[in-house]
C-alpha atoms as a PDB file:
ATOM      1  CA  UNK A   1       0.140   0.112  -0.267  1.00  0.00           C
ATOM      2  CA  UNK A   2       1.232   3.468  -0.297  1.00  0.00           C
ATOM      3  CA  UNK A   3       2.178   5.804   1.845  1.00  0.00           C
ATOM      4  CA  UNK A   4      -1.067   8.175   1.193  1.00  0.00           C
ATOM      5  CA  UNK A   5      -3.338   4.850   1.658  1.00  0.00           C
ATOM      6  CA  UNK A   6      -2.288   5.417   5.227  1.00  0.00           C
ATOM      7  CA  UNK A   7      -2.207   8.769   5.617  1.00  0.00           C
ATOM      8  CA  UNK A   8      -6.275   8.352   4.312  1.00  0.00           C
ATOM      9  CA  UNK A   9      -6.493   5.982   7.446  1.00  0.00           C
ATOM     10  CA  UNK A  10      -4.185   7.909   9.761  1.00  0.00           C
ATOM     11  CA  UNK A  11      -6.839  11.010   8.410  1.00  0.00           C
ATOM     12  CA  UNK A  12      -9.892   8.300   9.163  1.00  0.00           C
ATOM     13  CA  UNK A  13      -8.891   7.966  12.396  1.00  0.00           C
ATOM     14  CA  UNK A  14      -8.319  11.338  13.390  1.00  0.00           C
ATOM     15  CA  UNK A  15     -11.631  12.648  11.848  1.00  0.00           C
ATOM     16  CA  UNK A  16     -12.865  10.199  14.298  1.00  0.00           C
ATOM     17  CA  UNK A  17     -11.039  11.152  17.408  1.00  0.00           C
ATOM     18  CA  UNK A  18     -12.103  14.408  16.641  1.00  0.00           C
ATOM     19  CA  UNK A  19     -15.819  14.155  15.480  1.00  0.00           C
ATOM     20  CA  UNK A  20     -17.041  11.388  17.497  1.00  0.00           C
ATOM     21  CA  UNK A  21     -14.509  10.631  20.998  1.00  0.00           C
ATOM     22  CA  UNK A  22     -14.516  14.912  21.425  1.00  0.00           C
ATOM     23  CA  UNK A  23     -17.364  15.988  19.500  1.00  0.00           C
ATOM     24  CA  UNK A  24     -19.492  13.768  21.693  1.00  0.00           C
ATOM     25  CA  UNK A  25     -17.279  13.805  24.741  1.00  0.00           C
ATOM     26  CA  UNK A  26     -16.768  10.475  24.699  1.00  0.00           C
ATOM     27  CA  UNK A  27     -13.447   9.845  26.392  1.00  0.00           C
ATOM     28  CA  UNK A  28     -13.564  13.763  28.367  1.00  0.00           C
ATOM     29  CA  UNK A  29      -9.331  12.995  27.814  1.00  0.00           C
ATOM     30  CA  UNK A  30      -8.711  12.993  24.594  1.00  0.00           C
ATOM     31  CA  UNK A  31      -9.765  16.638  23.582  1.00  0.00           C
ATOM     32  CA  UNK A  32      -6.218  17.532  25.831  1.00  0.00           C
ATOM     33  CA  UNK A  33      -3.937  14.840  23.611  1.00  0.00           C
ATOM     34  CA  UNK A  34      -5.749  16.181  20.703  1.00  0.00           C
ATOM     35  CA  UNK A  35      -4.772  19.807  20.876  1.00  0.00           C
ATOM     36  CA  UNK A  36      -1.482  19.152  21.894  1.00  0.00           C
ATOM     37  CA  UNK A  37      -0.638  17.215  19.176  1.00  0.00           C
ATOM     38  CA  UNK A  38       0.377  14.143  21.489  1.00  0.00           C
ATOM     39  CA  UNK A  39      -1.486  11.300  19.676  1.00  0.00           C
ATOM     40  CA  UNK A  40       0.008   8.924  17.570  1.00  0.00           C
ATOM     41  CA  UNK A  41      -1.242   6.540  14.695  1.00  0.00           C
ATOM     42  CA  UNK A  42       0.600   4.006  13.357  1.00  0.00           C
ATOM     43  CA  UNK A  43      -0.901   2.009  10.613  1.00  0.00           C
ATOM     44  CA  UNK A  44       0.092  -1.639  10.587  1.00  0.00           C
ATOM     45  CA  UNK A  45      -1.395  -3.311   7.228  1.00  0.00           C
ATOM     46  CA  UNK A  46       0.297  -6.992   7.456  1.00  0.00           C
ATOM     47  CA  UNK A  47      -2.228  -9.361   7.265  1.00  0.00           C
ATOM     48  CA  UNK A  48      -0.443 -11.802   9.729  1.00  0.00           C
ATOM     49  CA  UNK A  49      -1.098 -11.968  13.478  1.00  0.00           C
ATOM     50  CA  UNK A  50       2.398 -12.461  14.279  1.00  0.00           C
ATOM     51  CA  UNK A  51       3.079  -9.040  12.311  1.00  0.00           C
ATOM     52  CA  UNK A  52       0.784  -7.514  14.476  1.00  0.00           C
ATOM     53  CA  UNK A  53       2.061  -8.367  17.824  1.00  0.00           C
ATOM     54  CA  UNK A  54       5.309  -7.536  16.506  1.00  0.00           C
ATOM     55  CA  UNK A  55       4.587  -3.977  15.340  1.00  0.00           C
ATOM     56  CA  UNK A  56       2.794  -3.369  19.054  1.00  0.00           C
ATOM     57  CA  UNK A  57       5.878  -4.333  20.933  1.00  0.00           C
ATOM     58  CA  UNK A  58       7.814  -2.174  18.293  1.00  0.00           C
ATOM     59  CA  UNK A  59       5.533   0.647  19.003  1.00  0.00           C
ATOM     60  CA  UNK A  60       6.033  -0.261  22.891  1.00  0.00           C
ATOM     61  CA  UNK A  61       9.738   0.432  22.945  1.00  0.00           C
ATOM     62  CA  UNK A  62       8.972   3.533  20.323  1.00  0.00           C
ATOM     63  CA  UNK A  63       6.636   4.514  23.135  1.00  0.00           C
ATOM     64  CA  UNK A  64       9.980   4.442  25.648  1.00  0.00           C
ATOM     65  CA  UNK A  65      12.373   6.822  23.477  1.00  0.00           C
ATOM     66  CA  UNK A  66       9.681   9.210  23.049  1.00  0.00           C
ATOM     67  CA  UNK A  67       8.089  10.423  26.360  1.00  0.00           C
ATOM     68  CA  UNK A  68       6.403  13.500  24.455  1.00  0.00           C
ATOM     69  CA  UNK A  69       4.276  11.065  22.817  1.00  0.00           C
ATOM     70  CA  UNK A  70       1.534  10.955  25.139  1.00  0.00           C
ATOM     71  CA  UNK A  71      -0.334   7.771  23.300  1.00  0.00           C
ATOM     72  CA  UNK A  72      -0.372   6.054  19.843  1.00  0.00           C
ATOM     73  CA  UNK A  73      -3.443   4.505  18.226  1.00  0.00           C
ATOM     74  CA  UNK A  74      -2.331   1.520  16.557  1.00  0.00           C
ATOM     75  CA  UNK A  75      -4.735   0.811  13.682  1.00  0.00           C
ATOM     76  CA  UNK A  76      -5.433  -1.768  11.259  1.00  0.00           C
ATOM     77  CA  UNK A  77      -7.262  -1.364   8.090  1.00  0.00           C
ATOM     78  CA  UNK A  78      -6.668  -5.231   6.629  1.00  0.00           C
ATOM     79  CA  UNK A  79      -5.912  -7.628   9.674  1.00  0.00           C
ATOM     80  CA  UNK A  80      -8.955  -8.255  11.874  1.00  0.00           C
ATOM     81  CA  UNK A  81     -11.785  -7.967   9.859  1.00  0.00           C
ATOM     82  CA  UNK A  82     -13.956 -10.186  12.294  1.00  0.00           C
ATOM     83  CA  UNK A  83     -14.168  -8.866  15.697  1.00  0.00           C
ATOM     84  CA  UNK A  84     -14.008 -12.379  17.308  1.00  0.00           C
ATOM     85  CA  UNK A  85     -10.662 -12.647  15.718  1.00  0.00           C
ATOM     86  CA  UNK A  86      -9.718  -9.671  17.213  1.00  0.00           C
ATOM     87  CA  UNK A  87     -10.459 -10.271  20.885  1.00  0.00           C
ATOM     88  CA  UNK A  88      -7.859 -13.223  20.095  1.00  0.00           C
ATOM     89  CA  UNK A  89      -5.256 -10.797  18.961  1.00  0.00           C
ATOM     90  CA  UNK A  90      -5.915  -8.296  22.387  1.00  0.00           C
ATOM     91  CA  UNK A  91      -5.378 -11.316  24.337  1.00  0.00           C
ATOM     92  CA  UNK A  92      -2.361 -12.059  23.334  1.00  0.00           C
ATOM     93  CA  UNK A  93      -1.230  -8.269  23.185  1.00  0.00           C
ATOM     94  CA  UNK A  94      -1.922  -8.118  27.342  1.00  0.00           C
ATOM     95  CA  UNK A  95       0.285 -10.802  27.204  1.00  0.00           C
ATOM     96  CA  UNK A  96       2.935  -9.798  25.204  1.00  0.00           C
ATOM     97  CA  UNK A  97       2.208  -6.659  28.011  1.00  0.00           C
ATOM     98  CA  UNK A  98       3.151  -8.984  30.478  1.00  0.00           C
ATOM     99  CA  UNK A  99       5.959 -11.258  28.694  1.00  0.00           C
ATOM    100  CA  UNK A 100       7.940  -7.608  27.998  1.00  0.00           C
ATOM    101  CA  UNK A 101       7.657  -6.207  31.467  1.00  0.00           C
ATOM    102  CA  UNK A 102       5.413  -3.597  30.491  1.00  0.00           C
ATOM    103  CA  UNK A 103       2.668  -4.299  32.491  1.00  0.00           C
ATOM    104  CA  UNK A 104       2.112  -1.096  35.263  1.00  0.00           C
ATOM    105  CA  UNK A 105       3.471   0.964  32.411  1.00  0.00           C
ATOM    106  CA  UNK A 106       1.130   1.108  29.508  1.00  0.00           C
ATOM    107  CA  UNK A 107      -2.145  -0.677  28.592  1.00  0.00           C
ATOM    108  CA  UNK A 108      -4.567  -0.927  26.106  1.00  0.00           C
ATOM    109  CA  UNK A 109      -7.917   0.180  25.078  1.00  0.00           C
ATOM    110  CA  UNK A 110     -10.103  -1.550  22.318  1.00  0.00           C
ATOM    111  CA  UNK A 111     -11.772  -0.615  19.242  1.00  0.00           C
ATOM    112  CA  UNK A 112     -12.956  -1.959  16.166  1.00  0.00           C
ATOM    113  CA  UNK A 113     -16.183  -1.194  13.884  1.00  0.00           C
ATOM    114  CA  UNK A 114     -18.079  -3.705  15.048  1.00  0.00           C
ATOM    115  CA  UNK A 115     -17.287  -3.522  18.530  1.00  0.00           C
ATOM    116  CA  UNK A 116     -20.231  -5.533  20.982  1.00  0.00           C
ATOM    117  CA  UNK A 117     -19.395  -4.803  25.187  1.00  0.00           C
ATOM    118  CA  UNK A 118     -19.912  -8.592  26.891  1.00  0.00           C
ATOM    119  CA  UNK A 119     -23.755  -9.073  26.580  1.00  0.00           C
ATOM    120  CA  UNK A 120     -25.004  -6.433  24.883  1.00  0.00           C
ATOM    121  CA  UNK A 121     -26.962  -6.708  21.775  1.00  0.00           C
ATOM    122  CA  UNK A 122     -25.043  -6.105  18.602  1.00  0.00           C
ATOM    123  CA  UNK A 123     -27.547  -3.217  17.636  1.00  0.00           C
ATOM    124  CA  UNK A 124     -27.022  -1.604  21.131  1.00  0.00           C
ATOM    125  CA  UNK A 125     -25.628   1.962  20.666  1.00  0.00           C
ATOM    126  CA  UNK A 126     -23.629   1.970  23.881  1.00  0.00           C
ATOM    127  CA  UNK A 127     -21.054  -0.261  21.694  1.00  0.00           C
ATOM    128  CA  UNK A 128     -20.524   2.548  19.523  1.00  0.00           C
ATOM    129  CA  UNK A 129     -17.989   4.229  22.290  1.00  0.00           C
ATOM    130  CA  UNK A 130     -15.706   1.589  21.333  1.00  0.00           C
ATOM    131  CA  UNK A 131     -16.405   1.231  17.560  1.00  0.00           C
ATOM    132  CA  UNK A 132     -14.300   3.219  15.187  1.00  0.00           C
ATOM    133  CA  UNK A 133     -13.725   3.013  11.585  1.00  0.00           C
ATOM    134  CA  UNK A 134     -10.738   0.310  11.684  1.00  0.00           C
ATOM    135  CA  UNK A 135      -9.719  -2.151  14.023  1.00  0.00           C
ATOM    136  CA  UNK A 136      -7.335  -0.475  16.220  1.00  0.00           C
ATOM    137  CA  UNK A 137      -5.136  -0.779  19.846  1.00  0.00           C
ATOM    138  CA  UNK A 138      -4.787   2.139  22.145  1.00  0.00           C
ATOM    139  CA  UNK A 139      -1.991   2.643  24.072  1.00  0.00           C
ATOM    140  CA  UNK A 140      -2.135   4.018  26.871  1.00  0.00           C
ATOM    141  CA  UNK A 141       0.615   5.393  29.383  1.00  0.00           C
ATOM    142  CA  UNK A 142      -0.417   4.234  33.144  1.00  0.00           C
ATOM    143  CA  UNK A 143       1.043   7.307  34.746  1.00  0.00           C
ATOM    144  CA  UNK A 144      -0.646   9.434  32.316  1.00  0.00           C
ATOM    145  CA  UNK A 145      -3.822   7.530  33.129  1.00  0.00           C
ATOM    146  CA  UNK A 146      -3.280   8.010  36.669  1.00  0.00           C
ATOM    147  CA  UNK A 147      -3.031  11.441  36.663  1.00  0.00           C
ATOM    148  CA  UNK A 148      -6.619  11.921  34.276  1.00  0.00           C
ATOM    149  CA  UNK A 149      -8.291   9.349  36.751  1.00  0.00           C
ATOM    150  CA  UNK A 150      -6.902  11.663  39.824  1.00  0.00           C
ATOM    151  CA  UNK A 151      -7.794  14.815  38.447  1.00  0.00           C
ATOM    152  CA  UNK A 152     -10.949  13.925  36.811  1.00  0.00           C
ATOM    153  CA  UNK A 153     -12.074  12.142  40.020  1.00  0.00           C
ATOM    154  CA  UNK A 154     -14.767   9.504  39.892  1.00  0.00           C
ATOM    155  CA  UNK A 155     -14.395   7.750  36.530  1.00  0.00           C
ATOM    156  CA  UNK A 156     -16.806   5.352  36.760  1.00  0.00           C
ATOM    157  CA  UNK A 157     -19.621   7.949  35.743  1.00  0.00           C
ATOM    158  CA  UNK A 158     -18.044   8.057  32.004  1.00  0.00           C
ATOM    159  CA  UNK A 159     -19.041   4.631  30.795  1.00  0.00           C
ATOM    160  CA  UNK A 160     -22.615   5.656  32.053  1.00  0.00           C
ATOM    161  CA  UNK A 161     -22.830   8.497  30.856  1.00  0.00           C
ATOM    162  CA  UNK A 162     -21.828   7.282  27.587  1.00  0.00           C
ATOM    163  CA  UNK A 163     -24.389   4.304  27.643  1.00  0.00           C
ATOM    164  CA  UNK A 164     -27.214   7.359  28.281  1.00  0.00           C
ATOM    165  CA  UNK A 165     -25.925   9.341  25.607  1.00  0.00           C
ATOM    166  CA  UNK A 166     -25.367   7.120  22.775  1.00  0.00           C
ATOM    167  CA  UNK A 167     -28.677   5.741  23.126  1.00  0.00           C
ATOM    168  CA  UNK A 168     -30.724   8.419  22.879  1.00  0.00           C
ATOM    169  CA  UNK A 169     -28.075   9.286  20.169  1.00  0.00           C
ATOM    170  CA  UNK A 170     -29.102   6.431  18.595  1.00  0.00           C
ATOM    171  CA  UNK A 171     -27.780   3.999  16.958  1.00  0.00           C
ATOM    172  CA  UNK A 172     -28.340   4.675  13.227  1.00  0.00           C
ATOM    173  CA  UNK A 173     -27.202   8.447  13.690  1.00  0.00           C
ATOM    174  CA  UNK A 174     -23.901   6.971  15.778  1.00  0.00           C
ATOM    175  CA  UNK A 175     -23.441   4.747  12.532  1.00  0.00           C
ATOM    176  CA  UNK A 176     -23.897   7.693   9.988  1.00  0.00           C
ATOM    177  CA  UNK A 177     -20.832   9.505  12.371  1.00  0.00           C
ATOM    178  CA  UNK A 178     -18.241   6.874  12.167  1.00  0.00           C
ATOM    179  CA  UNK A 179     -19.128   6.307   8.244  1.00  0.00           C
ATOM    180  CA  UNK A 180     -18.461  10.081   7.929  1.00  0.00           C
ATOM    181  CA  UNK A 181     -15.280   9.854   9.010  1.00  0.00           C
ATOM    182  CA  UNK A 182     -14.365   7.787   6.127  1.00  0.00           C
ATOM    183  CA  UNK A 183     -14.510  10.601   4.030  1.00  0.00           C
ATOM    184  CA  UNK A 184     -12.315  12.841   6.322  1.00  0.00           C
ATOM    185  CA  UNK A 185      -9.994  15.355   4.322  1.00  0.00           C
ATOM    186  CA  UNK A 186      -6.568  16.451   5.630  1.00  0.00           C
ATOM    187  CA  UNK A 187      -7.141  18.626   8.847  1.00  0.00           C
ATOM    188  CA  UNK A 188      -5.011  21.700   8.902  1.00  0.00           C
END
């Protein structure tokens, strides 16, 4: 794939972060990182699970060397068409964090176009808090998460607020907004 195609995936991902995640206040911490330009987006086009794990390990090492980058979105536009296959990868990725000694240093948040919470109906609008344009892993610095939680206070209210908000918005509107990210133009 070309650099141009990868850049398009980056723009789609950042449009989703700007328009949906920040625009609907799904994550109250995302706006600051977006404004500070401390979000890295890495596109992994491999179709091999092992390569996806190697790319995660490489990204963790990269983050170690670049403390000014707050967080990374590793985007897989070609690998995880199946949500179940993606969840298998997430389990392996969590295990890799432990194996590499990164437990307590980094944590992973998960996003997929077909994301469905345990025991949720696939059509439940609440799933859209984690439905992204492409399958991705969000690598967060644990220390930053702890600092944000200390500043924010009761983060347990965030998922409850998102469920109520997205349920009121509805699946049709949420899906239309997710789809709009595919038409993203470069952000200036």
